[in-house]
Amino acid sequence: MRTNKTRKDTIQWMKELGNLVLAQEVPASRKLKITLEGYFKDQRSPDLHNLHKVIGDAIADALEVDDKNFRFTDGASHFGYDEPFLRLLVNKY
């Protein structure tokens, strides 16, 4: 998971995401469809597709599977939230 270019806070976030995935009993499958939605304060939000790599790596590490067959779909970005958050829907395909 960690490379020389990965920030420590990003690595911690990836571990937390992996633990959440395990707690939700996501099936350990190489073929997962991951839909990502963002809830942000304002229009100055990240492009959701820029988060695919770090999310895919976190899920793959937690489930101990290869992420090469993960399929990402970007849902909507929503604005006007005091605390930004991401919503992930993970299903087998």
C-alpha atoms as a PDB file:
ATOM      1  CA  MET A   1       0.000   0.000   0.000  1.00  0.00           C
ATOM      2  CA  ARG A   2       2.610   2.544   1.015  1.00  0.00           C
ATOM      3  CA  THR A   3       4.969   4.043  -1.484  1.00  0.00           C
ATOM      4  CA  ASN A   4       7.544   6.762  -1.028  1.00  0.00           C
ATOM      5  CA  LYS A   5       5.081   9.250  -2.510  1.00  0.00           C
ATOM      6  CA  THR A   6       2.097   8.352  -0.323  1.00  0.00           C
ATOM      7  CA  ARG A   7       1.523  10.777   2.542  1.00  0.00           C
ATOM      8  CA  LYS A   8       1.228   9.386   6.052  1.00  0.00           C
ATOM      9  CA  ASP A   9      -2.262  10.842   6.535  1.00  0.00           C
ATOM     10  CA  THR A  10      -3.364   9.223   3.259  1.00  0.00           C
ATOM     11  CA  ILE A  11      -2.037   5.860   4.420  1.00  0.00           C
ATOM     12  CA  GLN A  12      -3.937   6.244   7.702  1.00  0.00           C
ATOM     13  CA  TRP A  13      -7.129   7.130   5.783  1.00  0.00           C
ATOM     14  CA  MET A  14      -6.676   4.051   3.582  1.00  0.00           C
ATOM     15  CA  LYS A  15      -6.348   1.820   6.661  1.00  0.00           C
ATOM     16  CA  GLU A  16      -9.503   3.345   8.172  1.00  0.00           C
ATOM     17  CA  LEU A  17     -11.385   2.814   4.905  1.00  0.00           C
ATOM     18  CA  GLY A  18     -10.201  -0.792   4.783  1.00  0.00           C
ATOM     19  CA  ASN A  19     -11.470  -1.366   8.320  1.00  0.00           C
ATOM     20  CA  LEU A  20     -14.854   0.124   7.397  1.00  0.00           C
ATOM     21  CA  VAL A  21     -15.075  -2.169   4.372  1.00  0.00           C
ATOM     22  CA  LEU A  22     -14.301  -5.194   6.539  1.00  0.00           C
ATOM     23  CA  ALA A  23     -16.878  -4.100   9.127  1.00  0.00           C
ATOM     24  CA  GLN A  24     -19.529  -3.937   6.399  1.00  0.00           C
ATOM     25  CA  GLU A  25     -18.720  -7.521   5.403  1.00  0.00           C
ATOM     26  CA  VAL A  26     -18.045  -6.645   1.780  1.00  0.00           C
ATOM     27  CA  PRO A  27     -17.492  -9.936  -0.068  1.00  0.00           C
ATOM     28  CA  ALA A  28     -13.870 -10.666  -0.937  1.00  0.00           C
ATOM     29  CA  SER A  29     -14.189 -10.638  -4.697  1.00  0.00           C
ATOM     30  CA  ARG A  30     -11.905  -9.513  -7.470  1.00  0.00           C
ATOM     31  CA  LYS A  31     -14.918  -8.249  -9.410  1.00  0.00           C
ATOM     32  CA  LEU A  32     -16.309  -5.304  -7.496  1.00  0.00           C
ATOM     33  CA  LYS A  33     -18.292  -2.342  -8.778  1.00  0.00           C
ATOM     34  CA  ILE A  34     -17.541   0.715  -6.664  1.00  0.00           C
ATOM     35  CA  THR A  35     -19.807   3.743  -6.964  1.00  0.00           C
ATOM     36  CA  LEU A  36     -18.437   6.912  -5.440  1.00  0.00           C
ATOM     37  CA  GLU A  37     -20.448   9.976  -4.426  1.00  0.00           C
ATOM     38  CA  GLY A  38     -19.041  13.105  -2.836  1.00  0.00           C
ATOM     39  CA  TYR A  39     -20.678  15.478  -0.368  1.00  0.00           C
ATOM     40  CA  PHE A  40     -18.732  18.726  -0.158  1.00  0.00           C
ATOM     41  CA  LYS A  41     -18.878  22.215   1.343  1.00  0.00           C
ATOM     42  CA  ASP A  42     -18.727  24.015  -1.992  1.00  0.00           C
ATOM     43  CA  GLN A  43     -17.714  23.710  -5.631  1.00  0.00           C
ATOM     44  CA  ARG A  44     -14.017  23.523  -4.689  1.00  0.00           C
ATOM     45  CA  SER A  45     -14.152  19.749  -4.514  1.00  0.00           C
ATOM     46  CA  PRO A  46     -11.826  17.078  -5.874  1.00  0.00           C
ATOM     47  CA  ASP A  47     -12.636  15.283  -9.087  1.00  0.00           C
ATOM     48  CA  LEU A  48     -14.031  11.976  -7.884  1.00  0.00           C
ATOM     49  CA  HIS A  49     -12.071   9.983 -10.457  1.00  0.00           C
ATOM     50  CA  ASN A  50      -8.839  11.205  -8.873  1.00  0.00           C
ATOM     51  CA  LEU A  51      -9.747   9.181  -5.762  1.00  0.00           C
ATOM     52  CA  HIS A  52     -10.173   5.833  -7.555  1.00  0.00           C
ATOM     53  CA  LYS A  53      -6.573   4.639  -7.099  1.00  0.00           C
ATOM     54  CA  VAL A  54      -6.335   5.258  -3.359  1.00  0.00           C
ATOM     55  CA  ILE A  55      -9.828   3.829  -2.711  1.00  0.00           C
ATOM     56  CA  GLY A  56      -9.152   0.782  -4.882  1.00  0.00           C
ATOM     57  CA  ASP A  57      -5.843   0.134  -3.128  1.00  0.00           C
ATOM     58  CA  ALA A  58      -7.447   0.464   0.318  1.00  0.00           C
ATOM     59  CA  ILE A  59     -10.254  -1.971  -0.516  1.00  0.00           C
ATOM     60  CA  ALA A  60      -7.900  -4.427  -2.232  1.00  0.00           C
ATOM     61  CA  ASP A  61      -5.528  -4.420   0.751  1.00  0.00           C
ATOM     62  CA  ALA A  62      -8.365  -4.937   3.247  1.00  0.00           C
ATOM     63  CA  LEU A  63      -9.955  -7.785   1.286  1.00  0.00           C
ATOM     64  CA  GLU A  64      -6.598  -9.207   0.193  1.00  0.00           C
ATOM     65  CA  VAL A  65      -7.595  -9.278  -3.477  1.00  0.00           C
ATOM     66  CA  ASP A  66      -6.176  -7.844  -6.695  1.00  0.00           C
ATOM     67  CA  ASP A  67      -7.930  -4.625  -7.714  1.00  0.00           C
ATOM     68  CA  LYS A  68      -7.314  -4.943 -11.460  1.00  0.00           C
ATOM     69  CA  ASN A  69     -10.947  -5.938 -12.086  1.00  0.00           C
ATOM     70  CA  PHE A  70     -12.558  -3.277  -9.916  1.00  0.00           C
ATOM     71  CA  ARG A  71     -14.988  -1.073 -11.852  1.00  0.00           C
ATOM     72  CA  PHE A  72     -15.529   2.478 -10.685  1.00  0.00           C
ATOM     73  CA  THR A  73     -18.566   4.593 -11.358  1.00  0.00           C
ATOM     74  CA  ASP A  74     -18.746   8.214 -10.311  1.00  0.00           C
ATOM     75  CA  GLY A  75     -22.050   9.264  -8.848  1.00  0.00           C
ATOM     76  CA  ALA A  76     -23.038  12.823  -8.158  1.00  0.00           C
ATOM     77  CA  SER A  77     -21.167  15.481  -6.268  1.00  0.00           C
ATOM     78  CA  HIS A  78     -23.380  17.267  -3.756  1.00  0.00           C
ATOM     79  CA  PHE A  79     -22.630  20.650  -2.224  1.00  0.00           C
ATOM     80  CA  GLY A  80     -23.600  22.621   0.873  1.00  0.00           C
ATOM     81  CA  TYR A  81     -22.464  20.179   3.569  1.00  0.00           C
ATOM     82  CA  ASP A  82     -20.640  21.487   6.634  1.00  0.00           C
ATOM     83  CA  GLU A  83     -18.571  18.306   6.935  1.00  0.00           C
ATOM     84  CA  PRO A  84     -17.439  16.798   3.628  1.00  0.00           C
ATOM     85  CA  PHE A  85     -17.680  13.037   3.216  1.00  0.00           C
ATOM     86  CA  LEU A  86     -17.628  10.297   0.596  1.00  0.00           C
ATOM     87  CA  ARG A  87     -20.225   7.606   0.083  1.00  0.00           C
ATOM     88  CA  LEU A  88     -19.117   4.314  -1.414  1.00  0.00           C
ATOM     89  CA  LEU A  89     -21.429   1.629  -2.706  1.00  0.00           C
ATOM     90  CA  VAL A  90     -19.568  -1.644  -3.191  1.00  0.00           C
ATOM     91  CA  ASN A  91     -21.185  -4.590  -4.983  1.00  0.00           C
ATOM     92  CA  LYS A  92     -20.036  -7.710  -6.773  1.00  0.00           C
ATOM     93  CA  TYR A  93     -20.584  -7.756 -10.540  1.00  0.00           C
END
